[in-house]
């Protein structure tokens, strides 16, 4: 589990393809300091398992399912990625509960600067808008953000200067793909309500 508070802007070092999957090496001097085999690190919001570390890098295995269901399918060496280690019992929950399980891939539609801030509109995959509410939480590339506005096709978030400087959203431009994870509570509520209706 994660909080959506990015700890470090890392870099993809290499991809070693093995059939449909790949071993991906990522540079992250901070997150690798205490990383060990089996630990979880969110890479652009995707929960990945560390299989080894070397110096300031860690290696993880990414299967076809993950490439198909997230924006990791388009990553390349040299690309910057958001990194966050899994929470501990003593961690402050500065963002919201994030699983690192991508629900869909969105597309940045527009970026409108305003002073030091920036409003970003993101197009949604079909059917995802029902999980998003104004002033609710959403995870974009592993970043916990507050929804400013939402309609059937898109939502908008406002980014503070720190987010623009320290995460991939400060660099990505319209047309770029982003991983989206909705608030897990919304999905559980939907399932419980559907089950209740079916029982009547």
C-alpha atoms as a PDB file:
ATOM      1  CA  UNK A   1       0.000   0.000   0.000  1.00  0.00           C
ATOM      2  CA  UNK A   2       1.090   3.566  -0.755  1.00  0.00           C
ATOM      3  CA  UNK A   3      -0.036   7.118  -0.010  1.00  0.00           C
ATOM      4  CA  UNK A   4       0.448   8.810  -3.388  1.00  0.00           C
ATOM      5  CA  UNK A   5       3.147  11.113  -2.025  1.00  0.00           C
ATOM      6  CA  UNK A   6       6.015  10.806  -4.509  1.00  0.00           C
ATOM      7  CA  UNK A   7       9.364  10.442  -2.754  1.00  0.00           C
ATOM      8  CA  UNK A   8      11.656  10.753  -5.711  1.00  0.00           C
ATOM      9  CA  UNK A   9      11.800  11.385  -9.438  1.00  0.00           C
ATOM     10  CA  UNK A  10      13.687   8.348 -10.709  1.00  0.00           C
ATOM     11  CA  UNK A  11      14.921   7.292 -14.132  1.00  0.00           C
ATOM     12  CA  UNK A  12      14.466   4.150 -16.201  1.00  0.00           C
ATOM     13  CA  UNK A  13      17.939   2.756 -16.837  1.00  0.00           C
ATOM     14  CA  UNK A  14      17.182  -0.297 -18.963  1.00  0.00           C
ATOM     15  CA  UNK A  15      14.602  -2.807 -20.139  1.00  0.00           C
ATOM     16  CA  UNK A  16      15.687  -6.390 -20.753  1.00  0.00           C
ATOM     17  CA  UNK A  17      12.877  -8.103 -22.637  1.00  0.00           C
ATOM     18  CA  UNK A  18      12.153 -11.758 -21.904  1.00  0.00           C
ATOM     19  CA  UNK A  19       9.272 -12.863 -24.104  1.00  0.00           C
ATOM     20  CA  UNK A  20       6.240 -10.675 -23.377  1.00  0.00           C
ATOM     21  CA  UNK A  21       7.685  -9.347 -20.111  1.00  0.00           C
ATOM     22  CA  UNK A  22      10.815  -7.494 -19.131  1.00  0.00           C
ATOM     23  CA  UNK A  23      13.256  -6.878 -16.335  1.00  0.00           C
ATOM     24  CA  UNK A  24      13.261  -3.137 -15.743  1.00  0.00           C
ATOM     25  CA  UNK A  25      16.105  -1.350 -13.970  1.00  0.00           C
ATOM     26  CA  UNK A  26      15.298   1.993 -12.364  1.00  0.00           C
ATOM     27  CA  UNK A  27      17.622   4.553 -10.773  1.00  0.00           C
ATOM     28  CA  UNK A  28      16.331   5.900  -7.473  1.00  0.00           C
ATOM     29  CA  UNK A  29      19.038   6.774  -4.937  1.00  0.00           C
ATOM     30  CA  UNK A  30      16.533   7.559  -2.176  1.00  0.00           C
ATOM     31  CA  UNK A  31      14.100   4.652  -2.505  1.00  0.00           C
ATOM     32  CA  UNK A  32      16.919   2.144  -2.942  1.00  0.00           C
ATOM     33  CA  UNK A  33      18.627   3.069   0.348  1.00  0.00           C
ATOM     34  CA  UNK A  34      16.675   0.498   2.335  1.00  0.00           C
ATOM     35  CA  UNK A  35      15.207  -1.577  -0.496  1.00  0.00           C
ATOM     36  CA  UNK A  36      15.606  -5.333  -0.427  1.00  0.00           C
ATOM     37  CA  UNK A  37      14.396  -8.332  -2.396  1.00  0.00           C
ATOM     38  CA  UNK A  38      10.611  -8.614  -2.206  1.00  0.00           C
ATOM     39  CA  UNK A  39       9.919  -4.993  -1.265  1.00  0.00           C
ATOM     40  CA  UNK A  40       7.265  -3.007  -3.146  1.00  0.00           C
ATOM     41  CA  UNK A  41       8.007   0.259  -4.921  1.00  0.00           C
ATOM     42  CA  UNK A  42       5.415   2.191  -6.902  1.00  0.00           C
ATOM     43  CA  UNK A  43       6.730   3.238 -10.314  1.00  0.00           C
ATOM     44  CA  UNK A  44       4.387   5.820 -11.884  1.00  0.00           C
ATOM     45  CA  UNK A  45       1.703   4.412  -9.616  1.00  0.00           C
ATOM     46  CA  UNK A  46       2.279   0.755 -10.508  1.00  0.00           C
ATOM     47  CA  UNK A  47       3.188  -1.503  -7.584  1.00  0.00           C
ATOM     48  CA  UNK A  48       6.308  -3.446  -8.599  1.00  0.00           C
ATOM     49  CA  UNK A  49       8.412  -5.936  -6.636  1.00  0.00           C
ATOM     50  CA  UNK A  50      12.141  -5.413  -6.151  1.00  0.00           C
ATOM     51  CA  UNK A  51      14.153  -8.459  -7.233  1.00  0.00           C
ATOM     52  CA  UNK A  52      17.617  -6.961  -6.749  1.00  0.00           C
ATOM     53  CA  UNK A  53      19.510  -3.735  -6.040  1.00  0.00           C
ATOM     54  CA  UNK A  54      22.895  -2.451  -7.181  1.00  0.00           C
ATOM     55  CA  UNK A  55      24.306   0.923  -6.194  1.00  0.00           C
ATOM     56  CA  UNK A  56      21.551   3.489  -6.700  1.00  0.00           C
ATOM     57  CA  UNK A  57      19.370   1.232  -8.880  1.00  0.00           C
ATOM     58  CA  UNK A  58      16.808  -1.503  -8.349  1.00  0.00           C
ATOM     59  CA  UNK A  59      15.560  -4.166 -10.727  1.00  0.00           C
ATOM     60  CA  UNK A  60      11.997  -5.399 -11.064  1.00  0.00           C
ATOM     61  CA  UNK A  61      10.126  -7.802 -13.323  1.00  0.00           C
ATOM     62  CA  UNK A  62       7.168  -6.461 -15.301  1.00  0.00           C
ATOM     63  CA  UNK A  63       4.789  -8.939 -16.897  1.00  0.00           C
ATOM     64  CA  UNK A  64       2.712  -8.511 -20.057  1.00  0.00           C
ATOM     65  CA  UNK A  65      -0.485  -7.864 -18.084  1.00  0.00           C
ATOM     66  CA  UNK A  66       1.128  -4.843 -16.420  1.00  0.00           C
ATOM     67  CA  UNK A  67       2.482  -3.483 -19.690  1.00  0.00           C
ATOM     68  CA  UNK A  68      -0.945  -3.926 -21.326  1.00  0.00           C
ATOM     69  CA  UNK A  69      -2.930  -2.251 -18.532  1.00  0.00           C
ATOM     70  CA  UNK A  70      -0.659   0.672 -17.708  1.00  0.00           C
ATOM     71  CA  UNK A  71       1.439   3.344 -19.368  1.00  0.00           C
ATOM     72  CA  UNK A  72       4.555   1.314 -18.535  1.00  0.00           C
ATOM     73  CA  UNK A  73       4.074  -0.293 -21.943  1.00  0.00           C
ATOM     74  CA  UNK A  74       5.539   2.848 -23.504  1.00  0.00           C
ATOM     75  CA  UNK A  75       8.445   3.550 -21.142  1.00  0.00           C
ATOM     76  CA  UNK A  76      11.990   3.711 -22.453  1.00  0.00           C
ATOM     77  CA  UNK A  77      15.475   4.126 -20.979  1.00  0.00           C
ATOM     78  CA  UNK A  78      16.068   7.700 -19.879  1.00  0.00           C
ATOM     79  CA  UNK A  79      12.415   8.344 -19.029  1.00  0.00           C
ATOM     80  CA  UNK A  80      11.702   9.911 -15.656  1.00  0.00           C
ATOM     81  CA  UNK A  81       9.323   8.075 -13.321  1.00  0.00           C
ATOM     82  CA  UNK A  82       7.625   8.804  -9.999  1.00  0.00           C
ATOM     83  CA  UNK A  83       8.837   6.564  -7.163  1.00  0.00           C
ATOM     84  CA  UNK A  84       7.332   5.784  -3.765  1.00  0.00           C
ATOM     85  CA  UNK A  85       8.177   3.061  -1.264  1.00  0.00           C
ATOM     86  CA  UNK A  86       5.362   1.119   0.403  1.00  0.00           C
ATOM     87  CA  UNK A  87       4.018   2.595   3.622  1.00  0.00           C
ATOM     88  CA  UNK A  88       4.939   1.318   7.074  1.00  0.00           C
ATOM     89  CA  UNK A  89       2.891   1.356  10.275  1.00  0.00           C
ATOM     90  CA  UNK A  90       4.691   4.581  11.257  1.00  0.00           C
ATOM     91  CA  UNK A  91       4.166   6.378   7.935  1.00  0.00           C
ATOM     92  CA  UNK A  92       2.078   9.553   7.801  1.00  0.00           C
ATOM     93  CA  UNK A  93      -0.850   9.089   5.414  1.00  0.00           C
ATOM     94  CA  UNK A  94      -0.196  12.372   3.642  1.00  0.00           C
ATOM     95  CA  UNK A  95      -2.196  11.536   0.533  1.00  0.00           C
ATOM     96  CA  UNK A  96      -4.837   8.794   0.480  1.00  0.00           C
ATOM     97  CA  UNK A  97      -4.911   4.990   0.396  1.00  0.00           C
ATOM     98  CA  UNK A  98      -3.272   3.909  -2.860  1.00  0.00           C
ATOM     99  CA  UNK A  99      -2.905   0.250  -3.849  1.00  0.00           C
ATOM    100  CA  UNK A 100      -0.636   0.619  -6.852  1.00  0.00           C
ATOM    101  CA  UNK A 101      -3.215  -1.217  -8.981  1.00  0.00           C
ATOM    102  CA  UNK A 102      -3.891   0.785 -12.144  1.00  0.00           C
ATOM    103  CA  UNK A 103      -7.570   1.046 -13.088  1.00  0.00           C
ATOM    104  CA  UNK A 104      -6.963   2.579 -16.491  1.00  0.00           C
ATOM    105  CA  UNK A 105      -4.782   4.801 -18.624  1.00  0.00           C
ATOM    106  CA  UNK A 106      -5.779   8.405 -19.201  1.00  0.00           C
ATOM    107  CA  UNK A 107      -4.487  11.000 -21.651  1.00  0.00           C
ATOM    108  CA  UNK A 108      -3.472  14.545 -20.776  1.00  0.00           C
ATOM    109  CA  UNK A 109      -5.829  16.737 -22.794  1.00  0.00           C
ATOM    110  CA  UNK A 110      -4.604  20.181 -21.769  1.00  0.00           C
ATOM    111  CA  UNK A 111      -2.376  22.094 -19.362  1.00  0.00           C
ATOM    112  CA  UNK A 112      -3.293  25.642 -18.433  1.00  0.00           C
ATOM    113  CA  UNK A 113      -0.749  27.580 -16.365  1.00  0.00           C
ATOM    114  CA  UNK A 114      -1.923  30.185 -13.867  1.00  0.00           C
ATOM    115  CA  UNK A 115       0.821  31.914 -11.925  1.00  0.00           C
ATOM    116  CA  UNK A 116       2.854  29.164 -10.314  1.00  0.00           C
ATOM    117  CA  UNK A 117      -0.068  26.732 -10.552  1.00  0.00           C
ATOM    118  CA  UNK A 118      -1.256  24.638 -13.453  1.00  0.00           C
ATOM    119  CA  UNK A 119      -4.682  23.168 -14.242  1.00  0.00           C
ATOM    120  CA  UNK A 120      -4.440  19.811 -15.993  1.00  0.00           C
ATOM    121  CA  UNK A 121      -7.378  18.158 -17.760  1.00  0.00           C
ATOM    122  CA  UNK A 122      -7.141  14.407 -18.258  1.00  0.00           C
ATOM    123  CA  UNK A 123      -9.327  12.298 -20.548  1.00  0.00           C
ATOM    124  CA  UNK A 124     -10.800   9.215 -18.885  1.00  0.00           C
ATOM    125  CA  UNK A 125     -11.153   5.647 -20.134  1.00  0.00           C
ATOM    126  CA  UNK A 126     -14.788   4.716 -20.771  1.00  0.00           C
ATOM    127  CA  UNK A 127     -16.768   3.924 -17.627  1.00  0.00           C
ATOM    128  CA  UNK A 128     -14.318   5.355 -15.102  1.00  0.00           C
ATOM    129  CA  UNK A 129     -16.035   8.687 -14.424  1.00  0.00           C
ATOM    130  CA  UNK A 130     -18.565   7.034 -12.086  1.00  0.00           C
ATOM    131  CA  UNK A 131     -15.788   6.499  -9.528  1.00  0.00           C
ATOM    132  CA  UNK A 132     -14.628  10.131  -9.509  1.00  0.00           C
ATOM    133  CA  UNK A 133     -16.204  12.951  -7.529  1.00  0.00           C
ATOM    134  CA  UNK A 134     -15.416  16.635  -7.215  1.00  0.00           C
ATOM    135  CA  UNK A 135     -13.054  17.241  -4.264  1.00  0.00           C
ATOM    136  CA  UNK A 136     -12.409  13.498  -4.071  1.00  0.00           C
ATOM    137  CA  UNK A 137      -9.035  11.795  -4.433  1.00  0.00           C
ATOM    138  CA  UNK A 138      -7.496  10.228  -7.513  1.00  0.00           C
ATOM    139  CA  UNK A 139      -4.034   8.868  -8.234  1.00  0.00           C
ATOM    140  CA  UNK A 140      -2.325  10.060 -11.426  1.00  0.00           C
ATOM    141  CA  UNK A 141       1.018   8.380 -12.215  1.00  0.00           C
ATOM    142  CA  UNK A 142       1.271   7.521  -8.523  1.00  0.00           C
ATOM    143  CA  UNK A 143       0.500  11.061  -7.318  1.00  0.00           C
ATOM    144  CA  UNK A 144      -2.360  11.607  -4.883  1.00  0.00           C
ATOM    145  CA  UNK A 145      -4.394  14.530  -6.230  1.00  0.00           C
ATOM    146  CA  UNK A 146      -7.691  16.260  -5.484  1.00  0.00           C
ATOM    147  CA  UNK A 147     -10.282  16.398  -8.256  1.00  0.00           C
ATOM    148  CA  UNK A 148     -11.293  19.973  -9.122  1.00  0.00           C
ATOM    149  CA  UNK A 149     -13.986  19.087 -11.672  1.00  0.00           C
ATOM    150  CA  UNK A 150     -15.251  15.961 -13.438  1.00  0.00           C
ATOM    151  CA  UNK A 151     -17.596  15.105 -16.310  1.00  0.00           C
ATOM    152  CA  UNK A 152     -18.341  11.898 -18.214  1.00  0.00           C
ATOM    153  CA  UNK A 153     -15.186  12.137 -20.311  1.00  0.00           C
ATOM    154  CA  UNK A 154     -12.551  13.888 -18.222  1.00  0.00           C
ATOM    155  CA  UNK A 155     -11.472  15.382 -14.922  1.00  0.00           C
ATOM    156  CA  UNK A 156      -9.321  18.325 -13.905  1.00  0.00           C
ATOM    157  CA  UNK A 157      -6.692  18.677 -11.197  1.00  0.00           C
ATOM    158  CA  UNK A 158      -4.699  21.720 -10.095  1.00  0.00           C
ATOM    159  CA  UNK A 159      -0.982  21.222  -9.546  1.00  0.00           C
ATOM    160  CA  UNK A 160       1.063  23.246  -7.077  1.00  0.00           C
ATOM    161  CA  UNK A 161       4.634  24.277  -7.937  1.00  0.00           C
ATOM    162  CA  UNK A 162       6.112  21.466  -5.808  1.00  0.00           C
ATOM    163  CA  UNK A 163       4.164  18.815  -7.757  1.00  0.00           C
ATOM    164  CA  UNK A 164       5.208  20.369 -11.058  1.00  0.00           C
ATOM    165  CA  UNK A 165       8.861  20.414 -10.007  1.00  0.00           C
ATOM    166  CA  UNK A 166       9.184  17.046  -8.299  1.00  0.00           C
ATOM    167  CA  UNK A 167       6.986  14.725 -10.400  1.00  0.00           C
ATOM    168  CA  UNK A 168       6.506  13.633 -13.993  1.00  0.00           C
ATOM    169  CA  UNK A 169       3.391  15.813 -14.364  1.00  0.00           C
ATOM    170  CA  UNK A 170       5.584  18.886 -14.582  1.00  0.00           C
ATOM    171  CA  UNK A 171       7.223  17.416 -17.683  1.00  0.00           C
ATOM    172  CA  UNK A 172       4.429  15.574 -19.452  1.00  0.00           C
ATOM    173  CA  UNK A 173       2.604  17.453 -22.188  1.00  0.00           C
ATOM    174  CA  UNK A 174      -0.836  17.081 -23.818  1.00  0.00           C
ATOM    175  CA  UNK A 175      -1.117  13.684 -25.490  1.00  0.00           C
ATOM    176  CA  UNK A 176       0.978  11.926 -22.846  1.00  0.00           C
ATOM    177  CA  UNK A 177      -0.417   8.822 -21.170  1.00  0.00           C
ATOM    178  CA  UNK A 178      -0.869   8.633 -17.392  1.00  0.00           C
ATOM    179  CA  UNK A 179      -1.773   5.789 -15.038  1.00  0.00           C
ATOM    180  CA  UNK A 180      -5.008   6.287 -13.119  1.00  0.00           C
ATOM    181  CA  UNK A 181      -6.146   4.650  -9.899  1.00  0.00           C
ATOM    182  CA  UNK A 182      -9.507   5.639  -8.445  1.00  0.00           C
ATOM    183  CA  UNK A 183     -10.281   5.674  -4.736  1.00  0.00           C
ATOM    184  CA  UNK A 184     -10.631   2.006  -3.758  1.00  0.00           C
ATOM    185  CA  UNK A 185     -13.522   2.834  -1.427  1.00  0.00           C
ATOM    186  CA  UNK A 186     -15.660   3.811  -4.436  1.00  0.00           C
ATOM    187  CA  UNK A 187     -15.163   0.395  -6.018  1.00  0.00           C
ATOM    188  CA  UNK A 188     -16.100  -1.463  -2.830  1.00  0.00           C
ATOM    189  CA  UNK A 189     -19.200   0.679  -2.329  1.00  0.00           C
ATOM    190  CA  UNK A 190     -20.311   0.016  -5.919  1.00  0.00           C
ATOM    191  CA  UNK A 191     -19.944  -3.750  -5.477  1.00  0.00           C
ATOM    192  CA  UNK A 192     -21.760  -3.786  -2.136  1.00  0.00           C
ATOM    193  CA  UNK A 193     -24.637  -1.689  -3.472  1.00  0.00           C
ATOM    194  CA  UNK A 194     -24.935  -3.927  -6.567  1.00  0.00           C
ATOM    195  CA  UNK A 195     -24.989  -7.043  -4.377  1.00  0.00           C
ATOM    196  CA  UNK A 196     -27.642  -5.505  -2.132  1.00  0.00           C
ATOM    197  CA  UNK A 197     -29.835  -4.638  -5.102  1.00  0.00           C
ATOM    198  CA  UNK A 198     -29.415  -8.150  -6.499  1.00  0.00           C
ATOM    199  CA  UNK A 199     -30.531  -9.674  -3.205  1.00  0.00           C
ATOM    200  CA  UNK A 200     -33.880  -7.823  -3.276  1.00  0.00           C
END
